Amino acid sequence: MSLSRLTTRREFTRNLALLAATPLLAPSGAVAADEKPADPVAATADALTEAARARFGNILPEEHLKRIRGSIHRSLLSGDFMKKPKLQNGDEPAFSFRADLP
């Protein structure tokens, strides 16, 4: 590509798509065998705790932030647990309602 020629929109889009797909092209064994993948729930809880620290760190003591992190982690685990069962369209709810008639 020469400096005198401008990039077209198509070239820009193609280059952008290639740049975005580069991490997907890496072999799946790119992680070292001795490295364990990080727990995504714990990483999310840490990130949300850091956001709370950035927002309210001046008024919350460290002990409260540790409790907040535990609460966030439990909530995320509960959410993952609730996503596990695969429901079909015709599945009934886990409860049934019956009105008591006189």
PDB file of N, CA and C in Angstrom:
ATOM      1  N   MET A   1       0.845  -1.159   0.000  1.00  0.00           N
ATOM      2  CA  MET A   1       0.000   0.000   0.000  1.00  0.00           C
ATOM      3  C   MET A   1       0.901   1.237   0.000  1.00  0.00           C
ATOM      4  N   SER A   2       0.686   2.111  -0.902  1.00  0.00           N
ATOM      5  CA  SER A   2       1.509   3.320  -0.980  1.00  0.00           C
ATOM      6  C   SER A   2       0.888   4.432  -0.148  1.00  0.00           C
ATOM      7  N   LEU A   3       1.719   5.385   0.231  1.00  0.00           N
ATOM      8  CA  LEU A   3       1.245   6.489   1.054  1.00  0.00           C
ATOM      9  C   LEU A   3       0.391   7.470   0.259  1.00  0.00           C
ATOM     10  N   SER A   4       0.582   7.516  -1.061  1.00  0.00           N
ATOM     11  CA  SER A   4      -0.166   8.464  -1.873  1.00  0.00           C
ATOM     12  C   SER A   4      -1.603   8.012  -2.105  1.00  0.00           C
ATOM     13  N   ARG A   5      -1.894   6.719  -1.889  1.00  0.00           N
ATOM     14  CA  ARG A   5      -3.227   6.182  -2.147  1.00  0.00           C
ATOM     15  C   ARG A   5      -3.998   6.082  -0.829  1.00  0.00           C
ATOM     16  N   LEU A   6      -5.219   6.564  -0.796  1.00  0.00           N
ATOM     17  CA  LEU A   6      -6.054   6.501   0.395  1.00  0.00           C
ATOM     18  C   LEU A   6      -6.727   5.137   0.487  1.00  0.00           C
ATOM     19  N   THR A   7      -7.035   4.728   1.690  1.00  0.00           N
ATOM     20  CA  THR A   7      -7.720   3.459   1.917  1.00  0.00           C
ATOM     21  C   THR A   7      -9.199   3.626   1.604  1.00  0.00           C
ATOM     22  N   THR A   8      -9.751   2.654   0.904  1.00  0.00           N
ATOM     23  CA  THR A   8     -11.183   2.699   0.593  1.00  0.00           C
ATOM     24  C   THR A   8     -11.975   2.161   1.779  1.00  0.00           C
ATOM     25  N   ARG A   9     -13.279   2.374   1.745  1.00  0.00           N
ATOM     26  CA  ARG A   9     -14.130   1.866   2.813  1.00  0.00           C
ATOM     27  C   ARG A   9     -14.103   0.351   2.864  1.00  0.00           C
ATOM     28  N   ARG A  10     -14.075  -0.295   1.707  1.00  0.00           N
ATOM     29  CA  ARG A  10     -14.043  -1.752   1.678  1.00  0.00           C
ATOM     30  C   ARG A  10     -12.752  -2.291   2.268  1.00  0.00           C
ATOM     31  N   GLU A  11     -11.649  -1.678   1.957  1.00  0.00           N
ATOM     32  CA  GLU A  11     -10.371  -2.115   2.520  1.00  0.00           C
ATOM     33  C   GLU A  11     -10.352  -1.893   4.034  1.00  0.00           C
ATOM     34  N   PHE A  12     -10.875  -0.757   4.454  1.00  0.00           N
ATOM     35  CA  PHE A  12     -10.924  -0.473   5.877  1.00  0.00           C
ATOM     36  C   PHE A  12     -11.773  -1.510   6.611  1.00  0.00           C
ATOM     37  N   THR A  13     -12.944  -1.844   6.065  1.00  0.00           N
ATOM     38  CA  THR A  13     -13.838  -2.823   6.680  1.00  0.00           C
ATOM     39  C   THR A  13     -13.190  -4.198   6.702  1.00  0.00           C
ATOM     40  N   ARG A  14     -12.533  -4.579   5.616  1.00  0.00           N
ATOM     41  CA  ARG A  14     -11.858  -5.877   5.561  1.00  0.00           C
ATOM     42  C   ARG A  14     -10.752  -5.945   6.607  1.00  0.00           C
ATOM     43  N   ASN A  15      -9.958  -4.884   6.708  1.00  0.00           N
ATOM     44  CA  ASN A  15      -8.878  -4.864   7.693  1.00  0.00           C
ATOM     45  C   ASN A  15      -9.421  -4.881   9.116  1.00  0.00           C
ATOM     46  N   LEU A  16     -10.519  -4.186   9.343  1.00  0.00           N
ATOM     47  CA  LEU A  16     -11.132  -4.177  10.662  1.00  0.00           C
ATOM     48  C   LEU A  16     -11.655  -5.568  11.022  1.00  0.00           C
ATOM     49  N   ALA A  17     -12.280  -6.256  10.070  1.00  0.00           N
ATOM     50  CA  ALA A  17     -12.783  -7.609  10.312  1.00  0.00           C
ATOM     51  C   ALA A  17     -11.629  -8.576  10.581  1.00  0.00           C
ATOM     52  N   LEU A  18     -10.537  -8.442   9.860  1.00  0.00           N
ATOM     53  CA  LEU A  18      -9.371  -9.294  10.101  1.00  0.00           C
ATOM     54  C   LEU A  18      -8.772  -9.035  11.479  1.00  0.00           C
ATOM     55  N   LEU A  19      -8.735  -7.788  11.868  1.00  0.00           N
ATOM     56  CA  LEU A  19      -8.203  -7.437  13.178  1.00  0.00           C
ATOM     57  C   LEU A  19      -9.088  -8.007  14.293  1.00  0.00           C
ATOM     58  N   ALA A  20     -10.394  -7.940  14.104  1.00  0.00           N
ATOM     59  CA  ALA A  20     -11.312  -8.469  15.111  1.00  0.00           C
ATOM     60  C   ALA A  20     -11.251  -9.988  15.186  1.00  0.00           C
ATOM     61  N   ALA A  21     -10.996 -10.663  14.063  1.00  0.00           N
ATOM     62  CA  ALA A  21     -10.973 -12.125  14.023  1.00  0.00           C
ATOM     63  C   ALA A  21      -9.627 -12.710  14.425  1.00  0.00           C
ATOM     64  N   THR A  22      -8.621 -11.906  14.603  1.00  0.00           N
ATOM     65  CA  THR A  22      -7.290 -12.418  14.918  1.00  0.00           C
ATOM     66  C   THR A  22      -7.273 -13.262  16.188  1.00  0.00           C
ATOM     67  N   PRO A  23      -7.908 -12.858  17.300  1.00  0.00           N
ATOM     68  CA  PRO A  23      -7.891 -13.731  18.482  1.00  0.00           C
ATOM     69  C   PRO A  23      -8.587 -15.066  18.246  1.00  0.00           C
ATOM     70  N   LEU A  24      -9.550 -15.099  17.362  1.00  0.00           N
ATOM     71  CA  LEU A  24     -10.264 -16.342  17.074  1.00  0.00           C
ATOM     72  C   LEU A  24      -9.423 -17.303  16.248  1.00  0.00           C
ATOM     73  N   LEU A  25      -8.436 -16.784  15.546  1.00  0.00           N
ATOM     74  CA  LEU A  25      -7.601 -17.616  14.698  1.00  0.00           C
ATOM     75  C   LEU A  25      -6.482 -18.298  15.457  1.00  0.00           C
ATOM     76  N   ALA A  26      -6.253 -17.901  16.712  1.00  0.00           N
ATOM     77  CA  ALA A  26      -5.193 -18.513  17.507  1.00  0.00           C
ATOM     78  C   ALA A  26      -5.567 -19.959  17.797  1.00  0.00           C
ATOM     79  N   PRO A  27      -4.589 -20.854  17.818  1.00  0.00           N
ATOM     80  CA  PRO A  27      -4.908 -22.254  18.114  1.00  0.00           C
ATOM     81  C   PRO A  27      -5.474 -22.393  19.516  1.00  0.00           C
ATOM     82  N   SER A  28      -6.339 -23.383  19.697  1.00  0.00           N
ATOM     83  CA  SER A  28      -7.004 -23.538  20.989  1.00  0.00           C
ATOM     84  C   SER A  28      -6.035 -23.938  22.085  1.00  0.00           C
ATOM     85  N   GLY A  29      -4.902 -24.491  21.758  1.00  0.00           N
ATOM     86  CA  GLY A  29      -3.915 -24.880  22.744  1.00  0.00           C
ATOM     87  C   GLY A  29      -2.941 -23.766  23.059  1.00  0.00           C
ATOM     88  N   ALA A  30      -3.323 -22.523  22.803  1.00  0.00           N
ATOM     89  CA  ALA A  30      -2.425 -21.395  23.031  1.00  0.00           C
ATOM     90  C   ALA A  30      -2.140 -21.181  24.512  1.00  0.00           C
ATOM     91  N   VAL A  31      -3.041 -21.638  25.380  1.00  0.00           N
ATOM     92  CA  VAL A  31      -2.829 -21.507  26.815  1.00  0.00           C
ATOM     93  C   VAL A  31      -1.839 -22.580  27.238  1.00  0.00           C
ATOM     94  N   ALA A  32      -0.882 -22.221  28.046  1.00  0.00           N
ATOM     95  CA  ALA A  32       0.105 -23.183  28.512  1.00  0.00           C
ATOM     96  C   ALA A  32      -0.578 -24.280  29.319  1.00  0.00           C
ATOM     97  N   ALA A  33       0.000 -25.472  29.301  1.00  0.00           N
ATOM     98  CA  ALA A  33      -0.613 -26.612  29.964  1.00  0.00           C
ATOM     99  C   ALA A  33      -0.673 -26.427  31.477  1.00  0.00           C
ATOM    100  N   ASP A  34       0.299 -25.724  32.060  1.00  0.00           N
ATOM    101  CA  ASP A  34       0.299 -25.559  33.499  1.00  0.00           C
ATOM    102  C   ASP A  34      -0.584 -24.405  33.967  1.00  0.00           C
ATOM    103  N   GLU A  35      -1.036 -23.575  33.054  1.00  0.00           N
ATOM    104  CA  GLU A  35      -1.923 -22.472  33.402  1.00  0.00           C
ATOM    105  C   GLU A  35      -3.360 -22.948  33.415  1.00  0.00           C
ATOM    106  N   LYS A  36      -4.060 -22.619  34.496  1.00  0.00           N
ATOM    107  CA  LYS A  36      -5.481 -22.922  34.566  1.00  0.00           C
ATOM    108  C   LYS A  36      -6.242 -21.686  34.112  1.00  0.00           C
ATOM    109  N   PRO A  37      -7.292 -21.860  33.318  1.00  0.00           N
ATOM    110  CA  PRO A  37      -8.072 -20.682  32.927  1.00  0.00           C
ATOM    111  C   PRO A  37      -8.719 -20.061  34.155  1.00  0.00           C
ATOM    112  N   ALA A  38      -8.783 -18.751  34.173  1.00  0.00           N
ATOM    113  CA  ALA A  38      -9.347 -18.026  35.313  1.00  0.00           C
ATOM    114  C   ALA A  38     -10.837 -18.306  35.426  1.00  0.00           C
ATOM    115  N   ASP A  39     -11.317 -18.294  36.657  1.00  0.00           N
ATOM    116  CA  ASP A  39     -12.735 -18.492  36.919  1.00  0.00           C
ATOM    117  C   ASP A  39     -13.481 -17.248  36.443  1.00  0.00           C
ATOM    118  N   PRO A  40     -14.358 -17.378  35.450  1.00  0.00           N
ATOM    119  CA  PRO A  40     -15.035 -16.182  34.929  1.00  0.00           C
ATOM    120  C   PRO A  40     -15.964 -15.535  35.955  1.00  0.00           C
ATOM    121  N   VAL A  41     -16.562 -16.332  36.844  1.00  0.00           N
ATOM    122  CA  VAL A  41     -17.452 -15.756  37.853  1.00  0.00           C
ATOM    123  C   VAL A  41     -16.641 -14.921  38.837  1.00  0.00           C
ATOM    124  N   ALA A  42     -15.503 -15.452  39.272  1.00  0.00           N
ATOM    125  CA  ALA A  42     -14.658 -14.711  40.216  1.00  0.00           C
ATOM    126  C   ALA A  42     -14.097 -13.453  39.564  1.00  0.00           C
ATOM    127  N   ALA A  43     -13.721 -13.563  38.287  1.00  0.00           N
ATOM    128  CA  ALA A  43     -13.192 -12.394  37.585  1.00  0.00           C
ATOM    129  C   ALA A  43     -14.265 -11.308  37.446  1.00  0.00           C
ATOM    130  N   THR A  44     -15.487 -11.713  37.173  1.00  0.00           N
ATOM    131  CA  THR A  44     -16.588 -10.751  37.069  1.00  0.00           C
ATOM    132  C   THR A  44     -16.878 -10.118  38.423  1.00  0.00           C
ATOM    133  N   ALA A  45     -16.855 -10.936  39.482  1.00  0.00           N
ATOM    134  CA  ALA A  45     -17.089 -10.398  40.826  1.00  0.00           C
ATOM    135  C   ALA A  45     -15.994  -9.406  41.199  1.00  0.00           C
ATOM    136  N   ASP A  46     -14.754  -9.721  40.850  1.00  0.00           N
ATOM    137  CA  ASP A  46     -13.650  -8.793  41.131  1.00  0.00           C
ATOM    138  C   ASP A  46     -13.824  -7.483  40.378  1.00  0.00           C
ATOM    139  N   ALA A  47     -14.214  -7.583  39.111  1.00  0.00           N
ATOM    140  CA  ALA A  47     -14.387  -6.370  38.301  1.00  0.00           C
ATOM    141  C   ALA A  47     -15.524  -5.504  38.847  1.00  0.00           C
ATOM    142  N   LEU A  48     -16.628  -6.122  39.238  1.00  0.00           N
ATOM    143  CA  LEU A  48     -17.748  -5.352  39.787  1.00  0.00           C
ATOM    144  C   LEU A  48     -17.392  -4.752  41.143  1.00  0.00           C
ATOM    145  N   THR A  49     -16.592  -5.468  41.931  1.00  0.00           N
ATOM    146  CA  THR A  49     -16.142  -4.932  43.211  1.00  0.00           C
ATOM    147  C   THR A  49     -15.227  -3.737  43.000  1.00  0.00           C
ATOM    148  N   GLU A  50     -14.367  -3.814  41.991  1.00  0.00           N
ATOM    149  CA  GLU A  50     -13.495  -2.679  41.684  1.00  0.00           C
ATOM    150  C   GLU A  50     -14.308  -1.469  41.230  1.00  0.00           C
ATOM    151  N   ALA A  51     -15.398  -1.726  40.507  1.00  0.00           N
ATOM    152  CA  ALA A  51     -16.271  -0.613  40.107  1.00  0.00           C
ATOM    153  C   ALA A  51     -16.919   0.027  41.334  1.00  0.00           C
ATOM    154  N   ALA A  52     -17.335  -0.810  42.302  1.00  0.00           N
ATOM    155  CA  ALA A  52     -17.905  -0.270  43.539  1.00  0.00           C
ATOM    156  C   ALA A  52     -16.848   0.491  44.328  1.00  0.00           C
ATOM    157  N   ARG A  53     -15.612  -0.028  44.326  1.00  0.00           N
ATOM    158  CA  ARG A  53     -14.524   0.650  45.032  1.00  0.00           C
ATOM    159  C   ARG A  53     -14.237   2.013  44.394  1.00  0.00           C
ATOM    160  N   ALA A  54     -14.265   2.059  43.063  1.00  0.00           N
ATOM    161  CA  ALA A  54     -14.006   3.322  42.372  1.00  0.00           C
ATOM    162  C   ALA A  54     -15.107   4.342  42.661  1.00  0.00           C
ATOM    163  N   ARG A  55     -16.319   3.857  42.782  1.00  0.00           N
ATOM    164  CA  ARG A  55     -17.444   4.765  42.988  1.00  0.00           C
ATOM    165  C   ARG A  55     -17.621   5.160  44.445  1.00  0.00           C
ATOM    166  N   PHE A  56     -17.504   4.172  45.355  1.00  0.00           N
ATOM    167  CA  PHE A  56     -17.823   4.423  46.756  1.00  0.00           C
ATOM    168  C   PHE A  56     -16.651   4.143  47.698  1.00  0.00           C
ATOM    169  N   GLY A  57     -15.452   4.008  47.175  1.00  0.00           N
ATOM    170  CA  GLY A  57     -14.297   3.646  47.991  1.00  0.00           C
ATOM    171  C   GLY A  57     -13.969   4.637  49.080  1.00  0.00           C
ATOM    172  N   ASN A  58     -14.321   5.887  48.877  1.00  0.00           N
ATOM    173  CA  ASN A  58     -14.003   6.898  49.889  1.00  0.00           C
ATOM    174  C   ASN A  58     -14.916   6.825  51.106  1.00  0.00           C
ATOM    175  N   ILE A  59     -16.069   6.150  50.999  1.00  0.00           N
ATOM    176  CA  ILE A  59     -16.979   6.059  52.139  1.00  0.00           C
ATOM    177  C   ILE A  59     -17.139   4.633  52.666  1.00  0.00           C
ATOM    178  N   LEU A  60     -16.658   3.634  51.917  1.00  0.00           N
ATOM    179  CA  LEU A  60     -16.785   2.241  52.355  1.00  0.00           C
ATOM    180  C   LEU A  60     -15.448   1.729  52.878  1.00  0.00           C
ATOM    181  N   PRO A  61     -15.448   1.133  54.068  1.00  0.00           N
ATOM    182  CA  PRO A  61     -14.207   0.521  54.544  1.00  0.00           C
ATOM    183  C   PRO A  61     -13.918  -0.781  53.783  1.00  0.00           C
ATOM    184  N   GLU A  62     -12.692  -1.240  53.880  1.00  0.00           N
ATOM    185  CA  GLU A  62     -12.263  -2.450  53.154  1.00  0.00           C
ATOM    186  C   GLU A  62     -13.084  -3.671  53.560  1.00  0.00           C
ATOM    187  N   GLU A  63     -13.469  -3.749  54.832  1.00  0.00           N
ATOM    188  CA  GLU A  63     -14.267  -4.887  55.306  1.00  0.00           C
ATOM    189  C   GLU A  63     -15.602  -4.958  54.568  1.00  0.00           C
ATOM    190  N   HIS A  64     -16.227  -3.821  54.357  1.00  0.00           N
ATOM    191  CA  HIS A  64     -17.505  -3.796  53.640  1.00  0.00           C
ATOM    192  C   HIS A  64     -17.319  -4.183  52.182  1.00  0.00           C
ATOM    193  N   LEU A  65     -16.220  -3.762  51.586  1.00  0.00           N
ATOM    194  CA  LEU A  65     -15.968  -4.137  50.194  1.00  0.00           C
ATOM    195  C   LEU A  65     -15.771  -5.644  50.052  1.00  0.00           C
ATOM    196  N   LYS A  66     -15.146  -6.277  51.051  1.00  0.00           N
ATOM    197  CA  LYS A  66     -14.994  -7.738  51.012  1.00  0.00           C
ATOM    198  C   LYS A  66     -16.360  -8.415  51.104  1.00  0.00           C
ATOM    199  N   ARG A  67     -17.241  -7.883  51.945  1.00  0.00           N
ATOM    200  CA  ARG A  67     -18.583  -8.450  52.037  1.00  0.00           C
ATOM    201  C   ARG A  67     -19.374  -8.234  50.748  1.00  0.00           C
ATOM    202  N   ILE A  68     -19.200  -7.078  50.137  1.00  0.00           N
ATOM    203  CA  ILE A  68     -19.867  -6.779  48.865  1.00  0.00           C
ATOM    204  C   ILE A  68     -19.397  -7.742  47.788  1.00  0.00           C
ATOM    205  N   ARG A  69     -18.072  -8.005  47.757  1.00  0.00           N
ATOM    206  CA  ARG A  69     -17.531  -8.945  46.771  1.00  0.00           C
ATOM    207  C   ARG A  69     -18.125 -10.341  46.969  1.00  0.00           C
ATOM    208  N   GLY A  70     -18.254 -10.781  48.231  1.00  0.00           N
ATOM    209  CA  GLY A  70     -18.867 -12.083  48.506  1.00  0.00           C
ATOM    210  C   GLY A  70     -20.317 -12.130  48.060  1.00  0.00           C
ATOM    211  N   SER A  71     -21.039 -11.057  48.292  1.00  0.00           N
ATOM    212  CA  SER A  71     -22.440 -10.997  47.881  1.00  0.00           C
ATOM    213  C   SER A  71     -22.579 -11.031  46.360  1.00  0.00           C
ATOM    214  N   ILE A  72     -21.724 -10.288  45.685  1.00  0.00           N
ATOM    215  CA  ILE A  72     -21.746 -10.284  44.215  1.00  0.00           C
ATOM    216  C   ILE A  72     -21.414 -11.677  43.687  1.00  0.00           C
ATOM    217  N   HIS A  73     -20.405 -12.322  44.280  1.00  0.00           N
ATOM    218  CA  HIS A  73     -19.995 -13.653  43.827  1.00  0.00           C
ATOM    219  C   HIS A  73     -21.127 -14.662  44.015  1.00  0.00           C
ATOM    220  N   ARG A  74     -21.796 -14.629  45.174  1.00  0.00           N
ATOM    221  CA  ARG A  74     -22.924 -15.531  45.413  1.00  0.00           C
ATOM    222  C   ARG A  74     -24.058 -15.274  44.418  1.00  0.00           C
ATOM    223  N   SER A  75     -24.339 -14.019  44.128  1.00  0.00           N
ATOM    224  CA  SER A  75     -25.409 -13.688  43.176  1.00  0.00           C
ATOM    225  C   SER A  75     -25.082 -14.200  41.780  1.00  0.00           C
ATOM    226  N   LEU A  76     -23.826 -14.063  41.369  1.00  0.00           N
ATOM    227  CA  LEU A  76     -23.429 -14.553  40.052  1.00  0.00           C
ATOM    228  C   LEU A  76     -23.508 -16.075  39.980  1.00  0.00           C
ATOM    229  N   LEU A  77     -23.092 -16.761  41.049  1.00  0.00           N
ATOM    230  CA  LEU A  77     -23.204 -18.217  41.075  1.00  0.00           C
ATOM    231  C   LEU A  77     -24.662 -18.657  41.033  1.00  0.00           C
ATOM    232  N   SER A  78     -25.538 -17.944  41.741  1.00  0.00           N
ATOM    233  CA  SER A  78     -26.965 -18.263  41.702  1.00  0.00           C
ATOM    234  C   SER A  78     -27.531 -18.081  40.300  1.00  0.00           C
ATOM    235  N   GLY A  79     -27.104 -17.011  39.647  1.00  0.00           N
ATOM    236  CA  GLY A  79     -27.561 -16.773  38.274  1.00  0.00           C
ATOM    237  C   GLY A  79     -27.108 -17.864  37.326  1.00  0.00           C
ATOM    238  N   ASP A  80     -25.857 -18.312  37.467  1.00  0.00           N
ATOM    239  CA  ASP A  80     -25.366 -19.409  36.619  1.00  0.00           C
ATOM    240  C   ASP A  80     -26.126 -20.696  36.902  1.00  0.00           C
ATOM    241  N   PHE A  81     -26.428 -20.952  38.180  1.00  0.00           N
ATOM    242  CA  PHE A  81     -27.177 -22.148  38.549  1.00  0.00           C
ATOM    243  C   PHE A  81     -28.572 -22.135  37.940  1.00  0.00           C
ATOM    244  N   MET A  82     -29.197 -20.956  37.899  1.00  0.00           N
ATOM    245  CA  MET A  82     -30.546 -20.856  37.353  1.00  0.00           C
ATOM    246  C   MET A  82     -30.563 -20.994  35.834  1.00  0.00           C
ATOM    247  N   LYS A  83     -29.424 -20.756  35.174  1.00  0.00           N
ATOM    248  CA  LYS A  83     -29.355 -20.888  33.723  1.00  0.00           C
ATOM    249  C   LYS A  83     -29.148 -22.332  33.281  1.00  0.00           C
ATOM    250  N   LYS A  84     -28.736 -23.215  34.182  1.00  0.00           N
ATOM    251  CA  LYS A  84     -28.362 -24.577  33.804  1.00  0.00           C
ATOM    252  C   LYS A  84     -29.503 -25.416  33.246  1.00  0.00           C
ATOM    253  N   PRO A  85     -30.675 -25.469  33.883  1.00  0.00           N
ATOM    254  CA  PRO A  85     -31.713 -26.351  33.340  1.00  0.00           C
ATOM    255  C   PRO A  85     -32.197 -25.859  31.974  1.00  0.00           C
ATOM    256  N   LYS A  86     -32.281 -26.772  31.056  1.00  0.00           N
ATOM    257  CA  LYS A  86     -32.765 -26.439  29.712  1.00  0.00           C
ATOM    258  C   LYS A  86     -34.266 -26.717  29.666  1.00  0.00           C
ATOM    259  N   LEU A  87     -35.037 -25.664  29.529  1.00  0.00           N
ATOM    260  CA  LEU A  87     -36.485 -25.783  29.502  1.00  0.00           C
ATOM    261  C   LEU A  87     -36.984 -25.793  28.062  1.00  0.00           C
ATOM    262  N   GLN A  88     -38.006 -26.560  27.847  1.00  0.00           N
ATOM    263  CA  GLN A  88     -38.665 -26.590  26.555  1.00  0.00           C
ATOM    264  C   GLN A  88     -39.869 -25.651  26.606  1.00  0.00           C
ATOM    265  N   ASN A  89     -40.436 -25.364  25.475  1.00  0.00           N
ATOM    266  CA  ASN A  89     -41.550 -24.436  25.401  1.00  0.00           C
ATOM    267  C   ASN A  89     -42.770 -24.941  26.165  1.00  0.00           C
ATOM    268  N   GLY A  90     -42.974 -26.253  26.204  1.00  0.00           N
ATOM    269  CA  GLY A  90     -44.162 -26.810  26.838  1.00  0.00           C
ATOM    270  C   GLY A  90     -43.982 -27.167  28.296  1.00  0.00           C
ATOM    271  N   ASP A  91     -42.834 -26.882  28.898  1.00  0.00           N
ATOM    272  CA  ASP A  91     -42.594 -27.221  30.303  1.00  0.00           C
ATOM    273  C   ASP A  91     -43.498 -26.394  31.211  1.00  0.00           C
ATOM    274  N   GLU A  92     -44.071 -27.076  32.183  1.00  0.00           N
ATOM    275  CA  GLU A  92     -44.948 -26.420  33.141  1.00  0.00           C
ATOM    276  C   GLU A  92     -44.114 -25.762  34.238  1.00  0.00           C
ATOM    277  N   PRO A  93     -44.667 -24.750  34.908  1.00  0.00           N
ATOM    278  CA  PRO A  93     -43.950 -24.163  36.038  1.00  0.00           C
ATOM    279  C   PRO A  93     -43.850 -25.156  37.193  1.00  0.00           C
ATOM    280  N   ALA A  94     -42.999 -24.881  38.139  1.00  0.00           N
ATOM    281  CA  ALA A  94     -42.760 -25.782  39.259  1.00  0.00           C
ATOM    282  C   ALA A  94     -43.846 -25.664  40.331  1.00  0.00           C
ATOM    283  N   PHE A  95     -44.867 -24.916  40.106  1.00  0.00           N
ATOM    284  CA  PHE A  95     -45.946 -24.768  41.075  1.00  0.00           C
ATOM    285  C   PHE A  95     -47.270 -24.853  40.344  1.00  0.00           C
ATOM    286  N   SER A  96     -48.306 -25.106  41.078  1.00  0.00           N
ATOM    287  CA  SER A  96     -49.649 -25.085  40.507  1.00  0.00           C
ATOM    288  C   SER A  96     -50.548 -24.302  41.456  1.00  0.00           C
ATOM    289  N   PHE A  97     -51.451 -23.552  40.908  1.00  0.00           N
ATOM    290  CA  PHE A  97     -52.359 -22.716  41.702  1.00  0.00           C
ATOM    291  C   PHE A  97     -53.748 -23.326  41.672  1.00  0.00           C
ATOM    292  N   ARG A  98     -54.324 -23.474  42.841  1.00  0.00           N
ATOM    293  CA  ARG A  98     -55.706 -23.928  42.938  1.00  0.00           C
ATOM    294  C   ARG A  98     -56.438 -23.002  43.890  1.00  0.00           C
ATOM    295  N   ALA A  99     -57.508 -22.437  43.441  1.00  0.00           N
ATOM    296  CA  ALA A  99     -58.322 -21.569  44.297  1.00  0.00           C
ATOM    297  C   ALA A  99     -59.199 -22.429  45.182  1.00  0.00           C
ATOM    298  N   ASP A 100     -59.258 -22.092  46.468  1.00  0.00           N
ATOM    299  CA  ASP A 100     -60.145 -22.810  47.373  1.00  0.00           C
ATOM    300  C   ASP A 100     -61.553 -22.251  47.222  1.00  0.00           C
ATOM    301  N   LEU A 101     -62.415 -23.094  46.710  1.00  0.00           N
ATOM    302  CA  LEU A 101     -63.803 -22.671  46.513  1.00  0.00           C
ATOM    303  C   LEU A 101     -64.632 -23.085  47.715  1.00  0.00           C
ATOM    304  N   PRO A 102     -65.615 -22.268  48.094  1.00  0.00           N
ATOM    305  CA  PRO A 102     -66.449 -22.630  49.264  1.00  0.00           C
ATOM    306  C   PRO A 102     -67.345 -23.805  48.993  1.00  0.00           C
TER     307      PRO A 102
END
